[in-house]
Amino acid sequence: MTNATLLKAKIDASGYKMKYVADRIGLTYQGFLNKIRNKTDFTAPEIKGLCELLHIETEEMEQIFFAL
């Protein structure tokens, strides 16, 4: 389950818009929202892309994408 609060904070801190982030990882805006809202899961390549784009380190990645 994705920790939406932490992910949104990283996006806000980056200065990028949600649509830009979605485009960069190959998702539609709606598809990206569905993943943030935990309606669908992020794939490994999407997580990798987000980590690279948003400069998310391993510990943060675990907190954001593998929250219980």
PDB file of N, CA and C in Angstrom:
ATOM      1  N   MET A   1       0.841  -1.179   0.000  1.00  0.00           N
ATOM      2  CA  MET A   1       0.000   0.000   0.000  1.00  0.00           C
ATOM      3  C   MET A   1       0.887   1.243   0.000  1.00  0.00           C
ATOM      4  N   THR A   2       0.531   2.191  -0.824  1.00  0.00           N
ATOM      5  CA  THR A   2       1.300   3.423  -0.949  1.00  0.00           C
ATOM      6  C   THR A   2       0.896   4.413   0.139  1.00  0.00           C
ATOM      7  N   ASN A   3       1.898   5.052   0.743  1.00  0.00           N
ATOM      8  CA  ASN A   3       1.644   6.110   1.706  1.00  0.00           C
ATOM      9  C   ASN A   3       1.476   7.398   0.899  1.00  0.00           C
ATOM     10  N   ALA A   4       0.238   7.737   0.584  1.00  0.00           N
ATOM     11  CA  ALA A   4      -0.065   8.876  -0.284  1.00  0.00           C
ATOM     12  C   ALA A   4       0.414  10.192   0.303  1.00  0.00           C
ATOM     13  N   THR A   5       0.333  10.342   1.604  1.00  0.00           N
ATOM     14  CA  THR A   5       0.750  11.585   2.250  1.00  0.00           C
ATOM     15  C   THR A   5       2.228  11.848   2.013  1.00  0.00           C
ATOM     16  N   LEU A   6       3.063  10.827   2.208  1.00  0.00           N
ATOM     17  CA  LEU A   6       4.496  10.994   1.993  1.00  0.00           C
ATOM     18  C   LEU A   6       4.830  11.223   0.526  1.00  0.00           C
ATOM     19  N   LEU A   7       4.161  10.499  -0.360  1.00  0.00           N
ATOM     20  CA  LEU A   7       4.421  10.663  -1.787  1.00  0.00           C
ATOM     21  C   LEU A   7       4.017  12.054  -2.250  1.00  0.00           C
ATOM     22  N   LYS A   8       2.856  12.531  -1.836  1.00  0.00           N
ATOM     23  CA  LYS A   8       2.419  13.870  -2.220  1.00  0.00           C
ATOM     24  C   LYS A   8       3.371  14.932  -1.673  1.00  0.00           C
ATOM     25  N   ALA A   9       3.895  14.721  -0.468  1.00  0.00           N
ATOM     26  CA  ALA A   9       4.855  15.674   0.109  1.00  0.00           C
ATOM     27  C   ALA A   9       6.128  15.730  -0.735  1.00  0.00           C
ATOM     28  N   LYS A  10       6.596  14.580  -1.212  1.00  0.00           N
ATOM     29  CA  LYS A  10       7.787  14.552  -2.070  1.00  0.00           C
ATOM     30  C   LYS A  10       7.525  15.265  -3.389  1.00  0.00           C
ATOM     31  N   ILE A  11       6.342  15.063  -3.949  1.00  0.00           N
ATOM     32  CA  ILE A  11       5.992  15.726  -5.212  1.00  0.00           C
ATOM     33  C   ILE A  11       5.911  17.238  -4.994  1.00  0.00           C
ATOM     34  N   ASP A  12       5.260  17.654  -3.919  1.00  0.00           N
ATOM     35  CA  ASP A  12       5.155  19.089  -3.618  1.00  0.00           C
ATOM     36  C   ASP A  12       6.532  19.712  -3.421  1.00  0.00           C
ATOM     37  N   ALA A  13       7.405  19.005  -2.695  1.00  0.00           N
ATOM     38  CA  ALA A  13       8.751  19.517  -2.434  1.00  0.00           C
ATOM     39  C   ALA A  13       9.573  19.626  -3.712  1.00  0.00           C
ATOM     40  N   SER A  14       9.277  18.772  -4.681  1.00  0.00           N
ATOM     41  CA  SER A  14      10.034  18.784  -5.934  1.00  0.00           C
ATOM     42  C   SER A  14       9.677  19.981  -6.805  1.00  0.00           C
ATOM     43  N   GLY A  15       8.474  20.523  -6.612  1.00  0.00           N
ATOM     44  CA  GLY A  15       8.015  21.628  -7.433  1.00  0.00           C
ATOM     45  C   GLY A  15       7.348  21.179  -8.721  1.00  0.00           C
ATOM     46  N   TYR A  16       7.301  19.871  -8.956  1.00  0.00           N
ATOM     47  CA  TYR A  16       6.649  19.337 -10.147  1.00  0.00           C
ATOM     48  C   TYR A  16       5.145  19.265  -9.938  1.00  0.00           C
ATOM     49  N   LYS A  17       4.422  19.354 -11.028  1.00  0.00           N
ATOM     50  CA  LYS A  17       2.975  19.166 -11.009  1.00  0.00           C
ATOM     51  C   LYS A  17       2.690  17.668 -11.143  1.00  0.00           C
ATOM     52  N   MET A  18       1.553  17.252 -10.618  1.00  0.00           N
ATOM     53  CA  MET A  18       1.176  15.836 -10.647  1.00  0.00           C
ATOM     54  C   MET A  18       1.124  15.304 -12.082  1.00  0.00           C
ATOM     55  N   LYS A  19       0.581  16.084 -13.007  1.00  0.00           N
ATOM     56  CA  LYS A  19       0.472  15.643 -14.393  1.00  0.00           C
ATOM     57  C   LYS A  19       1.854  15.422 -14.994  1.00  0.00           C
ATOM     58  N   TYR A  20       2.798  16.288 -14.686  1.00  0.00           N
ATOM     59  CA  TYR A  20       4.166  16.146 -15.188  1.00  0.00           C
ATOM     60  C   TYR A  20       4.788  14.851 -14.669  1.00  0.00           C
ATOM     61  N   VAL A  21       4.617  14.586 -13.385  1.00  0.00           N
ATOM     62  CA  VAL A  21       5.161  13.369 -12.781  1.00  0.00           C
ATOM     63  C   VAL A  21       4.537  12.144 -13.442  1.00  0.00           C
ATOM     64  N   ALA A  22       3.228  12.162 -13.611  1.00  0.00           N
ATOM     65  CA  ALA A  22       2.536  11.043 -14.262  1.00  0.00           C
ATOM     66  C   ALA A  22       3.093  10.811 -15.663  1.00  0.00           C
ATOM     67  N   ASP A  23       3.231  11.879 -16.434  1.00  0.00           N
ATOM     68  CA  ASP A  23       3.777  11.770 -17.796  1.00  0.00           C
ATOM     69  C   ASP A  23       5.181  11.180 -17.793  1.00  0.00           C
ATOM     70  N   ARG A  24       6.003  11.616 -16.870  1.00  0.00           N
ATOM     71  CA  ARG A  24       7.396  11.165 -16.813  1.00  0.00           C
ATOM     72  C   ARG A  24       7.529   9.678 -16.521  1.00  0.00           C
ATOM     73  N   ILE A  25       6.570   9.107 -15.798  1.00  0.00           N
ATOM     74  CA  ILE A  25       6.660   7.672 -15.499  1.00  0.00           C
ATOM     75  C   ILE A  25       5.745   6.842 -16.391  1.00  0.00           C
ATOM     76  N   GLY A  26       5.173   7.496 -17.404  1.00  0.00           N
ATOM     77  CA  GLY A  26       4.403   6.765 -18.404  1.00  0.00           C
ATOM     78  C   GLY A  26       2.967   6.458 -18.042  1.00  0.00           C
ATOM     79  N   LEU A  27       2.388   7.276 -17.174  1.00  0.00           N
ATOM     80  CA  LEU A  27       0.996   7.070 -16.773  1.00  0.00           C
ATOM     81  C   LEU A  27       0.136   8.248 -17.202  1.00  0.00           C
ATOM     82  N   THR A  28      -1.151   7.982 -17.361  1.00  0.00           N
ATOM     83  CA  THR A  28      -2.090   9.082 -17.521  1.00  0.00           C
ATOM     84  C   THR A  28      -2.266   9.732 -16.155  1.00  0.00           C
ATOM     85  N   TYR A  29      -2.782  10.931 -16.151  1.00  0.00           N
ATOM     86  CA  TYR A  29      -3.037  11.612 -14.883  1.00  0.00           C
ATOM     87  C   TYR A  29      -4.007  10.797 -14.025  1.00  0.00           C
ATOM     88  N   GLN A  30      -5.082  10.296 -14.642  1.00  0.00           N
ATOM     89  CA  GLN A  30      -6.069   9.508 -13.892  1.00  0.00           C
ATOM     90  C   GLN A  30      -5.460   8.209 -13.377  1.00  0.00           C
ATOM     91  N   GLY A  31      -4.649   7.568 -14.199  1.00  0.00           N
ATOM     92  CA  GLY A  31      -3.979   6.345 -13.768  1.00  0.00           C
ATOM     93  C   GLY A  31      -3.068   6.586 -12.580  1.00  0.00           C
ATOM     94  N   PHE A  32      -2.378   7.722 -12.603  1.00  0.00           N
ATOM     95  CA  PHE A  32      -1.492   8.101 -11.499  1.00  0.00           C
ATOM     96  C   PHE A  32      -2.304   8.336 -10.225  1.00  0.00           C
ATOM     97  N   LEU A  33      -3.417   9.042 -10.362  1.00  0.00           N
ATOM     98  CA  LEU A  33      -4.276   9.277  -9.193  1.00  0.00           C
ATOM     99  C   LEU A  33      -4.804   7.966  -8.617  1.00  0.00           C
ATOM    100  N   ASN A  34      -5.175   7.040  -9.488  1.00  0.00           N
ATOM    101  CA  ASN A  34      -5.657   5.742  -9.004  1.00  0.00           C
ATOM    102  C   ASN A  34      -4.593   5.033  -8.177  1.00  0.00           C
ATOM    103  N   LYS A  35      -3.349   5.152  -8.582  1.00  0.00           N
ATOM    104  CA  LYS A  35      -2.267   4.501  -7.844  1.00  0.00           C
ATOM    105  C   LYS A  35      -2.009   5.212  -6.518  1.00  0.00           C
ATOM    106  N   ILE A  36      -2.051   6.528  -6.518  1.00  0.00           N
ATOM    107  CA  ILE A  36      -1.866   7.274  -5.268  1.00  0.00           C
ATOM    108  C   ILE A  36      -2.994   6.962  -4.291  1.00  0.00           C
ATOM    109  N   ARG A  37      -4.188   6.796  -4.809  1.00  0.00           N
ATOM    110  CA  ARG A  37      -5.358   6.499  -3.966  1.00  0.00           C
ATOM    111  C   ARG A  37      -5.466   5.016  -3.615  1.00  0.00           C
ATOM    112  N   ASN A  38      -4.460   4.240  -3.990  1.00  0.00           N
ATOM    113  CA  ASN A  38      -4.397   2.808  -3.697  1.00  0.00           C
ATOM    114  C   ASN A  38      -5.513   2.001  -4.346  1.00  0.00           C
ATOM    115  N   LYS A  39      -6.025   2.487  -5.473  1.00  0.00           N
ATOM    116  CA  LYS A  39      -6.996   1.704  -6.229  1.00  0.00           C
ATOM    117  C   LYS A  39      -6.268   0.667  -7.078  1.00  0.00           C
ATOM    118  N   THR A  40      -5.064   0.995  -7.500  1.00  0.00           N
ATOM    119  CA  THR A  40      -4.181   0.065  -8.204  1.00  0.00           C
ATOM    120  C   THR A  40      -2.783   0.242  -7.639  1.00  0.00           C
ATOM    121  N   ASP A  41      -1.920  -0.744  -7.860  1.00  0.00           N
ATOM    122  CA  ASP A  41      -0.564  -0.705  -7.316  1.00  0.00           C
ATOM    123  C   ASP A  41       0.426  -0.140  -8.327  1.00  0.00           C
ATOM    124  N   PHE A  42       1.452   0.521  -7.808  1.00  0.00           N
ATOM    125  CA  PHE A  42       2.563   0.956  -8.651  1.00  0.00           C
ATOM    126  C   PHE A  42       3.360  -0.271  -9.058  1.00  0.00           C
ATOM    127  N   THR A  43       3.854  -0.270 -10.283  1.00  0.00           N
ATOM    128  CA  THR A  43       4.734  -1.347 -10.739  1.00  0.00           C
ATOM    129  C   THR A  43       6.164  -1.000 -10.356  1.00  0.00           C
ATOM    130  N   ALA A  44       7.046  -1.985 -10.420  1.00  0.00           N
ATOM    131  CA  ALA A  44       8.453  -1.752 -10.097  1.00  0.00           C
ATOM    132  C   ALA A  44       9.073  -0.667 -10.983  1.00  0.00           C
ATOM    133  N   PRO A  45       8.849  -0.687 -12.313  1.00  0.00           N
ATOM    134  CA  PRO A  45       9.421   0.383 -13.137  1.00  0.00           C
ATOM    135  C   PRO A  45       8.868   1.777 -12.789  1.00  0.00           C
ATOM    136  N   GLU A  46       7.598   1.845 -12.402  1.00  0.00           N
ATOM    137  CA  GLU A  46       7.019   3.132 -12.005  1.00  0.00           C
ATOM    138  C   GLU A  46       7.646   3.626 -10.705  1.00  0.00           C
ATOM    139  N   ILE A  47       7.854   2.727  -9.760  1.00  0.00           N
ATOM    140  CA  ILE A  47       8.492   3.101  -8.503  1.00  0.00           C
ATOM    141  C   ILE A  47       9.917   3.574  -8.772  1.00  0.00           C
ATOM    142  N   LYS A  48      10.624   2.852  -9.619  1.00  0.00           N
ATOM    143  CA  LYS A  48      11.994   3.241  -9.967  1.00  0.00           C
ATOM    144  C   LYS A  48      12.007   4.633 -10.601  1.00  0.00           C
ATOM    145  N   GLY A  49      11.086   4.877 -11.524  1.00  0.00           N
ATOM    146  CA  GLY A  49      11.005   6.182 -12.175  1.00  0.00           C
ATOM    147  C   GLY A  49      10.706   7.301 -11.199  1.00  0.00           C
ATOM    148  N   LEU A  50       9.799   7.056 -10.270  1.00  0.00           N
ATOM    149  CA  LEU A  50       9.475   8.056  -9.254  1.00  0.00           C
ATOM    150  C   LEU A  50      10.668   8.334  -8.346  1.00  0.00           C
ATOM    151  N   CYS A  51      11.369   7.285  -7.970  1.00  0.00           N
ATOM    152  CA  CYS A  51      12.533   7.451  -7.101  1.00  0.00           C
ATOM    153  C   CYS A  51      13.622   8.279  -7.788  1.00  0.00           C
ATOM    154  N   GLU A  52      13.830   8.036  -9.067  1.00  0.00           N
ATOM    155  CA  GLU A  52      14.828   8.803  -9.809  1.00  0.00           C
ATOM    156  C   GLU A  52      14.389  10.251  -9.984  1.00  0.00           C
ATOM    157  N   LEU A  53      13.146  10.451 -10.380  1.00  0.00           N
ATOM    158  CA  LEU A  53      12.633  11.792 -10.637  1.00  0.00           C
ATOM    159  C   LEU A  53      12.580  12.636  -9.366  1.00  0.00           C
ATOM    160  N   LEU A  54      12.148  12.031  -8.275  1.00  0.00           N
ATOM    161  CA  LEU A  54      11.923  12.769  -7.027  1.00  0.00           C
ATOM    162  C   LEU A  54      13.075  12.636  -6.036  1.00  0.00           C
ATOM    163  N   HIS A  55      14.139  11.968  -6.448  1.00  0.00           N
ATOM    164  CA  HIS A  55      15.330  11.764  -5.590  1.00  0.00           C
ATOM    165  C   HIS A  55      14.944  11.110  -4.257  1.00  0.00           C
ATOM    166  N   ILE A  56      14.230  10.003  -4.365  1.00  0.00           N
ATOM    167  CA  ILE A  56      13.796   9.249  -3.194  1.00  0.00           C
ATOM    168  C   ILE A  56      14.829   8.170  -2.923  1.00  0.00           C
ATOM    169  N   GLU A  57      15.361   8.165  -1.716  1.00  0.00           N
ATOM    170  CA  GLU A  57      16.350   7.172  -1.304  1.00  0.00           C
ATOM    171  C   GLU A  57      15.650   5.884  -0.850  1.00  0.00           C
ATOM    172  N   THR A  58      16.426   4.843  -0.628  1.00  0.00           N
ATOM    173  CA  THR A  58      15.892   3.519  -0.305  1.00  0.00           C
ATOM    174  C   THR A  58      14.978   3.524   0.908  1.00  0.00           C
ATOM    175  N   GLU A  59      15.392   4.164   1.987  1.00  0.00           N
ATOM    176  CA  GLU A  59      14.579   4.168   3.205  1.00  0.00           C
ATOM    177  C   GLU A  59      13.237   4.856   2.970  1.00  0.00           C
ATOM    178  N   GLU A  60      13.274   5.994   2.278  1.00  0.00           N
ATOM    179  CA  GLU A  60      12.036   6.703   1.955  1.00  0.00           C
ATOM    180  C   GLU A  60      11.163   5.874   1.023  1.00  0.00           C
ATOM    181  N   MET A  61      11.785   5.204   0.068  1.00  0.00           N
ATOM    182  CA  MET A  61      11.046   4.368  -0.871  1.00  0.00           C
ATOM    183  C   MET A  61      10.253   3.313  -0.110  1.00  0.00           C
ATOM    184  N   GLU A  62      10.883   2.686   0.856  1.00  0.00           N
ATOM    185  CA  GLU A  62      10.203   1.660   1.650  1.00  0.00           C
ATOM    186  C   GLU A  62       9.029   2.251   2.434  1.00  0.00           C
ATOM    187  N   GLN A  63       9.221   3.435   2.981  1.00  0.00           N
ATOM    188  CA  GLN A  63       8.164   4.097   3.738  1.00  0.00           C
ATOM    189  C   GLN A  63       6.990   4.484   2.848  1.00  0.00           C
ATOM    190  N   ILE A  64       7.280   4.921   1.629  1.00  0.00           N
ATOM    191  CA  ILE A  64       6.235   5.399   0.733  1.00  0.00           C
ATOM    192  C   ILE A  64       5.512   4.249   0.040  1.00  0.00           C
ATOM    193  N   PHE A  65       6.263   3.341  -0.548  1.00  0.00           N
ATOM    194  CA  PHE A  65       5.648   2.335  -1.425  1.00  0.00           C
ATOM    195  C   PHE A  65       5.364   0.991  -0.762  1.00  0.00           C
ATOM    196  N   PHE A  66       5.936   0.772   0.386  1.00  0.00           N
ATOM    197  CA  PHE A  66       5.731  -0.522   1.030  1.00  0.00           C
ATOM    198  C   PHE A  66       5.200  -0.345   2.441  1.00  0.00           C
ATOM    199  N   ALA A  67       4.379   0.704   2.641  1.00  0.00           N
ATOM    200  CA  ALA A  67       3.772   0.964   3.930  1.00  0.00           C
ATOM    201  C   ALA A  67       2.712  -0.092   4.208  1.00  0.00           C
ATOM    202  N   LEU A  68       2.567  -0.418   5.445  1.00  0.00           N
ATOM    203  CA  LEU A  68       1.545  -1.420   5.828  1.00  0.00           C
ATOM    204  C   LEU A  68       0.292  -0.763   6.314  1.00  0.00           C
TER     205      LEU A  68
END
